[in-house]
């Protein structure tokens, strides 16, 4: 998605040489890699943790910050071309209200930093009003991106294989437990 032909890359790199990825030590953020001369900057809560250091060893610039702190988001996004946004609803300090606050703050900071391409990770069927708070919060953020007129791409994954790690014992015994949504 960040690939450009050589001429476009050179032009963009002259004015904006960084992509931004936040909460990078989580599953989705950790898949961002340094390619083709793009510099990648990662917002991390603790740059000394092993996962953060793994990113640093791959050439990723670490910026310490917090998704609840607009100033740290502004610092992390300064000069970036693009941003990758994902919040983790399931963390104890996040939940429904926290995810909405983090998502909106990050989008506002991206808008203020003149981010050219904002990628937001939502969830499949967020728009369906299924009464699941972790879907509803993402739908609110999706609508907010449109409301503030931020150029964006929304990813709608339905599941992540990493979410099945808790179920490995059951899988090895021939069963798969899932807490998915009801079928259509």
C-alpha atoms as a PDB file:
ATOM      1  CA  UNK A   1       0.000   0.000   0.000  1.00  0.00           C
ATOM      2  CA  UNK A   2       2.913   2.380   0.575  1.00  0.00           C
ATOM      3  CA  UNK A   3       4.646   1.402  -2.668  1.00  0.00           C
ATOM      4  CA  UNK A   4       5.360   4.201  -5.113  1.00  0.00           C
ATOM      5  CA  UNK A   5       7.147   4.301  -8.453  1.00  0.00           C
ATOM      6  CA  UNK A   6      10.689   5.649  -8.188  1.00  0.00           C
ATOM      7  CA  UNK A   7       9.859   9.227  -9.261  1.00  0.00           C
ATOM      8  CA  UNK A   8       6.902   9.491  -6.859  1.00  0.00           C
ATOM      9  CA  UNK A   9       9.008   8.047  -4.038  1.00  0.00           C
ATOM     10  CA  UNK A  10      11.749  10.606  -4.549  1.00  0.00           C
ATOM     11  CA  UNK A  11       9.279  13.499  -4.641  1.00  0.00           C
ATOM     12  CA  UNK A  12       7.453  12.335  -1.524  1.00  0.00           C
ATOM     13  CA  UNK A  13      10.638  11.536   0.358  1.00  0.00           C
ATOM     14  CA  UNK A  14      11.929  15.035  -0.247  1.00  0.00           C
ATOM     15  CA  UNK A  15       8.943  16.548   1.562  1.00  0.00           C
ATOM     16  CA  UNK A  16       7.697  13.769   3.861  1.00  0.00           C
ATOM     17  CA  UNK A  17      10.134  11.026   4.738  1.00  0.00           C
ATOM     18  CA  UNK A  18       8.322   9.281   7.579  1.00  0.00           C
ATOM     19  CA  UNK A  19       5.387   6.979   7.936  1.00  0.00           C
ATOM     20  CA  UNK A  20       3.905   6.770  11.384  1.00  0.00           C
ATOM     21  CA  UNK A  21       2.684   3.653  13.079  1.00  0.00           C
ATOM     22  CA  UNK A  22       1.285   3.806  16.564  1.00  0.00           C
ATOM     23  CA  UNK A  23       1.037   1.333  19.382  1.00  0.00           C
ATOM     24  CA  UNK A  24       3.490  -0.584  17.298  1.00  0.00           C
ATOM     25  CA  UNK A  25       4.340  -3.385  19.639  1.00  0.00           C
ATOM     26  CA  UNK A  26       0.802  -4.746  19.354  1.00  0.00           C
ATOM     27  CA  UNK A  27      -0.067  -7.347  16.687  1.00  0.00           C
ATOM     28  CA  UNK A  28      -1.060  -5.163  13.761  1.00  0.00           C
ATOM     29  CA  UNK A  29       1.506  -2.430  14.265  1.00  0.00           C
ATOM     30  CA  UNK A  30       4.325  -4.918  14.519  1.00  0.00           C
ATOM     31  CA  UNK A  31       3.761  -5.990  10.901  1.00  0.00           C
ATOM     32  CA  UNK A  32       4.890  -2.611   9.578  1.00  0.00           C
ATOM     33  CA  UNK A  33       8.396  -2.848   8.156  1.00  0.00           C
ATOM     34  CA  UNK A  34      11.008  -0.533   6.784  1.00  0.00           C
ATOM     35  CA  UNK A  35      11.035  -0.872   2.983  1.00  0.00           C
ATOM     36  CA  UNK A  36      12.339   0.973  -0.020  1.00  0.00           C
ATOM     37  CA  UNK A  37      13.946   3.812   1.876  1.00  0.00           C
ATOM     38  CA  UNK A  38      10.843   4.905   3.795  1.00  0.00           C
ATOM     39  CA  UNK A  39      11.560   5.789   7.375  1.00  0.00           C
ATOM     40  CA  UNK A  40       9.086   4.304   9.848  1.00  0.00           C
ATOM     41  CA  UNK A  41       8.401   5.948  13.172  1.00  0.00           C
ATOM     42  CA  UNK A  42       6.601   4.022  15.925  1.00  0.00           C
ATOM     43  CA  UNK A  43       4.773   5.450  18.913  1.00  0.00           C
ATOM     44  CA  UNK A  44       5.508   3.217  21.902  1.00  0.00           C
ATOM     45  CA  UNK A  45       4.700   3.555  25.571  1.00  0.00           C
ATOM     46  CA  UNK A  46       8.018   2.101  26.711  1.00  0.00           C
ATOM     47  CA  UNK A  47      10.942   2.193  24.249  1.00  0.00           C
ATOM     48  CA  UNK A  48      12.994  -0.075  26.536  1.00  0.00           C
ATOM     49  CA  UNK A  49      10.674  -3.083  26.275  1.00  0.00           C
ATOM     50  CA  UNK A  50      11.829  -6.063  24.216  1.00  0.00           C
ATOM     51  CA  UNK A  51       9.176  -5.679  21.483  1.00  0.00           C
ATOM     52  CA  UNK A  52      10.026  -1.999  21.059  1.00  0.00           C
ATOM     53  CA  UNK A  53      13.719  -2.829  20.842  1.00  0.00           C
ATOM     54  CA  UNK A  54      12.973  -5.465  18.177  1.00  0.00           C
ATOM     55  CA  UNK A  55      11.427  -2.686  16.082  1.00  0.00           C
ATOM     56  CA  UNK A  56      14.380  -0.383  16.728  1.00  0.00           C
ATOM     57  CA  UNK A  57      16.750  -3.143  15.608  1.00  0.00           C
ATOM     58  CA  UNK A  58      14.846  -3.253  12.291  1.00  0.00           C
ATOM     59  CA  UNK A  59      15.505   0.447  11.738  1.00  0.00           C
ATOM     60  CA  UNK A  60      12.240   1.807  13.135  1.00  0.00           C
ATOM     61  CA  UNK A  61      12.519   5.132  14.971  1.00  0.00           C
ATOM     62  CA  UNK A  62      10.865   4.863  18.396  1.00  0.00           C
ATOM     63  CA  UNK A  63       8.923   7.801  19.833  1.00  0.00           C
ATOM     64  CA  UNK A  64       7.682   7.465  23.397  1.00  0.00           C
ATOM     65  CA  UNK A  65       4.088   8.547  23.811  1.00  0.00           C
ATOM     66  CA  UNK A  66       0.523   7.706  24.678  1.00  0.00           C
ATOM     67  CA  UNK A  67      -2.696   7.593  22.668  1.00  0.00           C
ATOM     68  CA  UNK A  68      -4.417   9.717  25.325  1.00  0.00           C
ATOM     69  CA  UNK A  69      -1.796  12.474  25.033  1.00  0.00           C
ATOM     70  CA  UNK A  70      -2.352  14.800  22.075  1.00  0.00           C
ATOM     71  CA  UNK A  71       1.074  16.447  22.493  1.00  0.00           C
ATOM     72  CA  UNK A  72       2.890  13.109  22.139  1.00  0.00           C
ATOM     73  CA  UNK A  73       0.765  12.277  19.084  1.00  0.00           C
ATOM     74  CA  UNK A  74       1.655  15.644  17.555  1.00  0.00           C
ATOM     75  CA  UNK A  75       5.358  14.979  18.175  1.00  0.00           C
ATOM     76  CA  UNK A  76       5.177  11.485  16.704  1.00  0.00           C
ATOM     77  CA  UNK A  77       3.333  12.625  13.571  1.00  0.00           C
ATOM     78  CA  UNK A  78       5.412  15.720  12.833  1.00  0.00           C
ATOM     79  CA  UNK A  79       6.726  15.471   9.267  1.00  0.00           C
ATOM     80  CA  UNK A  80       5.093  12.100   8.550  1.00  0.00           C
ATOM     81  CA  UNK A  81       3.489  11.296   5.215  1.00  0.00           C
ATOM     82  CA  UNK A  82       1.136   8.567   6.449  1.00  0.00           C
ATOM     83  CA  UNK A  83      -0.210   7.098   9.657  1.00  0.00           C
ATOM     84  CA  UNK A  84      -1.481   3.659  10.673  1.00  0.00           C
ATOM     85  CA  UNK A  85      -4.048   3.718  13.461  1.00  0.00           C
ATOM     86  CA  UNK A  86      -5.357   0.872  15.581  1.00  0.00           C
ATOM     87  CA  UNK A  87      -6.622   0.956  19.135  1.00  0.00           C
ATOM     88  CA  UNK A  88      -6.939  -2.036  21.449  1.00  0.00           C
ATOM     89  CA  UNK A  89     -10.418  -2.002  22.985  1.00  0.00           C
ATOM     90  CA  UNK A  90      -9.525  -4.901  25.277  1.00  0.00           C
ATOM     91  CA  UNK A  91      -6.777  -3.183  27.276  1.00  0.00           C
ATOM     92  CA  UNK A  92      -7.856  -2.362  30.848  1.00  0.00           C
ATOM     93  CA  UNK A  93      -7.367   1.390  30.346  1.00  0.00           C
ATOM     94  CA  UNK A  94      -9.251   1.546  27.037  1.00  0.00           C
ATOM     95  CA  UNK A  95     -12.696  -0.060  26.544  1.00  0.00           C
ATOM     96  CA  UNK A  96     -15.552   1.641  24.666  1.00  0.00           C
ATOM     97  CA  UNK A  97     -15.054   5.271  25.713  1.00  0.00           C
ATOM     98  CA  UNK A  98     -11.259   5.011  25.671  1.00  0.00           C
ATOM     99  CA  UNK A  99     -11.125   3.554  22.176  1.00  0.00           C
ATOM    100  CA  UNK A 100     -13.305   6.363  20.841  1.00  0.00           C
ATOM    101  CA  UNK A 101     -11.207   8.996  22.610  1.00  0.00           C
ATOM    102  CA  UNK A 102      -7.924   7.503  21.359  1.00  0.00           C
ATOM    103  CA  UNK A 103      -9.202   7.102  17.802  1.00  0.00           C
ATOM    104  CA  UNK A 104     -10.508  10.655  17.615  1.00  0.00           C
ATOM    105  CA  UNK A 105      -7.369  12.147  19.197  1.00  0.00           C
ATOM    106  CA  UNK A 106      -5.148  10.285  16.763  1.00  0.00           C
ATOM    107  CA  UNK A 107      -7.278  11.360  13.788  1.00  0.00           C
ATOM    108  CA  UNK A 108      -7.248  14.990  14.969  1.00  0.00           C
ATOM    109  CA  UNK A 109      -3.471  14.885  15.400  1.00  0.00           C
ATOM    110  CA  UNK A 110      -3.106  13.379  11.909  1.00  0.00           C
ATOM    111  CA  UNK A 111      -5.307  16.106  10.453  1.00  0.00           C
ATOM    112  CA  UNK A 112      -3.263  18.759  12.272  1.00  0.00           C
ATOM    113  CA  UNK A 113      -0.007  17.240  10.987  1.00  0.00           C
ATOM    114  CA  UNK A 114      -1.308  17.295   7.401  1.00  0.00           C
ATOM    115  CA  UNK A 115      -1.026  13.518   7.091  1.00  0.00           C
ATOM    116  CA  UNK A 116      -1.575  12.577   3.452  1.00  0.00           C
ATOM    117  CA  UNK A 117      -2.834   9.038   4.048  1.00  0.00           C
ATOM    118  CA  UNK A 118      -4.405   7.773   7.260  1.00  0.00           C
ATOM    119  CA  UNK A 119      -5.027   4.024   7.563  1.00  0.00           C
ATOM    120  CA  UNK A 120      -7.507   3.038  10.266  1.00  0.00           C
ATOM    121  CA  UNK A 121      -8.021  -0.552  11.402  1.00  0.00           C
ATOM    122  CA  UNK A 122     -11.679  -1.070  12.228  1.00  0.00           C
ATOM    123  CA  UNK A 123     -13.574  -4.369  12.176  1.00  0.00           C
ATOM    124  CA  UNK A 124     -15.718  -6.177   9.624  1.00  0.00           C
ATOM    125  CA  UNK A 125     -19.420  -5.263   9.924  1.00  0.00           C
ATOM    126  CA  UNK A 126     -18.793  -2.287  12.207  1.00  0.00           C
ATOM    127  CA  UNK A 127     -21.571  -0.452  10.380  1.00  0.00           C
ATOM    128  CA  UNK A 128     -24.236  -3.068  11.109  1.00  0.00           C
ATOM    129  CA  UNK A 129     -25.202  -1.896  14.600  1.00  0.00           C
ATOM    130  CA  UNK A 130     -24.927  -5.369  16.086  1.00  0.00           C
ATOM    131  CA  UNK A 131     -24.872  -4.123  19.659  1.00  0.00           C
ATOM    132  CA  UNK A 132     -21.268  -5.139  20.284  1.00  0.00           C
ATOM    133  CA  UNK A 133     -19.469  -2.246  21.921  1.00  0.00           C
ATOM    134  CA  UNK A 134     -16.087  -3.089  20.371  1.00  0.00           C
ATOM    135  CA  UNK A 135     -17.764  -2.813  16.942  1.00  0.00           C
ATOM    136  CA  UNK A 136     -19.784   0.292  17.804  1.00  0.00           C
ATOM    137  CA  UNK A 137     -16.728   2.229  19.004  1.00  0.00           C
ATOM    138  CA  UNK A 138     -14.924   1.542  15.740  1.00  0.00           C
ATOM    139  CA  UNK A 139     -17.965   2.639  13.699  1.00  0.00           C
ATOM    140  CA  UNK A 140     -18.018   5.938  15.601  1.00  0.00           C
ATOM    141  CA  UNK A 141     -14.341   6.476  14.732  1.00  0.00           C
ATOM    142  CA  UNK A 142     -15.005   5.611  11.064  1.00  0.00           C
ATOM    143  CA  UNK A 143     -17.745   8.233  10.933  1.00  0.00           C
ATOM    144  CA  UNK A 144     -15.453  10.755  12.615  1.00  0.00           C
ATOM    145  CA  UNK A 145     -12.797  10.322   9.913  1.00  0.00           C
ATOM    146  CA  UNK A 146     -15.389  11.334   7.331  1.00  0.00           C
ATOM    147  CA  UNK A 147     -16.681  14.176   9.525  1.00  0.00           C
ATOM    148  CA  UNK A 148     -13.250  15.813   9.827  1.00  0.00           C
ATOM    149  CA  UNK A 149     -12.511  15.207   6.143  1.00  0.00           C
ATOM    150  CA  UNK A 150      -9.287  13.269   6.709  1.00  0.00           C
ATOM    151  CA  UNK A 151      -8.016  11.322   3.672  1.00  0.00           C
ATOM    152  CA  UNK A 152      -8.165   7.734   4.851  1.00  0.00           C
ATOM    153  CA  UNK A 153      -8.365   4.040   4.144  1.00  0.00           C
ATOM    154  CA  UNK A 154     -10.336   1.817   6.498  1.00  0.00           C
ATOM    155  CA  UNK A 155      -9.361  -1.820   6.971  1.00  0.00           C
ATOM    156  CA  UNK A 156     -12.226  -4.139   7.976  1.00  0.00           C
ATOM    157  CA  UNK A 157     -10.632  -7.378   9.191  1.00  0.00           C
ATOM    158  CA  UNK A 158     -13.053  -9.952  10.541  1.00  0.00           C
ATOM    159  CA  UNK A 159     -10.526 -11.738  12.755  1.00  0.00           C
ATOM    160  CA  UNK A 160      -6.827 -12.040  13.490  1.00  0.00           C
ATOM    161  CA  UNK A 161      -5.126 -15.400  13.798  1.00  0.00           C
ATOM    162  CA  UNK A 162      -3.239 -14.063  16.812  1.00  0.00           C
ATOM    163  CA  UNK A 163      -6.568 -13.900  18.630  1.00  0.00           C
ATOM    164  CA  UNK A 164      -6.645 -17.691  18.566  1.00  0.00           C
ATOM    165  CA  UNK A 165      -3.420 -18.076  20.571  1.00  0.00           C
ATOM    166  CA  UNK A 166      -5.430 -18.423  23.777  1.00  0.00           C
ATOM    167  CA  UNK A 167      -7.168 -21.443  22.251  1.00  0.00           C
ATOM    168  CA  UNK A 168      -4.149 -23.538  21.196  1.00  0.00           C
ATOM    169  CA  UNK A 169      -4.805 -26.298  23.729  1.00  0.00           C
ATOM    170  CA  UNK A 170      -8.381 -26.707  22.507  1.00  0.00           C
ATOM    171  CA  UNK A 171      -7.248 -26.701  18.869  1.00  0.00           C
ATOM    172  CA  UNK A 172      -4.690 -29.447  19.521  1.00  0.00           C
ATOM    173  CA  UNK A 173      -7.545 -31.494  21.032  1.00  0.00           C
ATOM    174  CA  UNK A 174      -9.648 -31.052  17.891  1.00  0.00           C
ATOM    175  CA  UNK A 175     -11.918 -28.196  19.024  1.00  0.00           C
ATOM    176  CA  UNK A 176     -12.023 -24.530  18.167  1.00  0.00           C
ATOM    177  CA  UNK A 177     -13.823 -22.097  20.419  1.00  0.00           C
ATOM    178  CA  UNK A 178     -14.792 -18.808  18.885  1.00  0.00           C
ATOM    179  CA  UNK A 179     -16.554 -15.747  20.189  1.00  0.00           C
ATOM    180  CA  UNK A 180     -17.552 -14.472  16.780  1.00  0.00           C
ATOM    181  CA  UNK A 181     -20.689 -12.718  15.697  1.00  0.00           C
ATOM    182  CA  UNK A 182     -23.966 -14.328  14.733  1.00  0.00           C
ATOM    183  CA  UNK A 183     -24.209 -15.340  11.067  1.00  0.00           C
ATOM    184  CA  UNK A 184     -26.311 -13.271   8.657  1.00  0.00           C
END
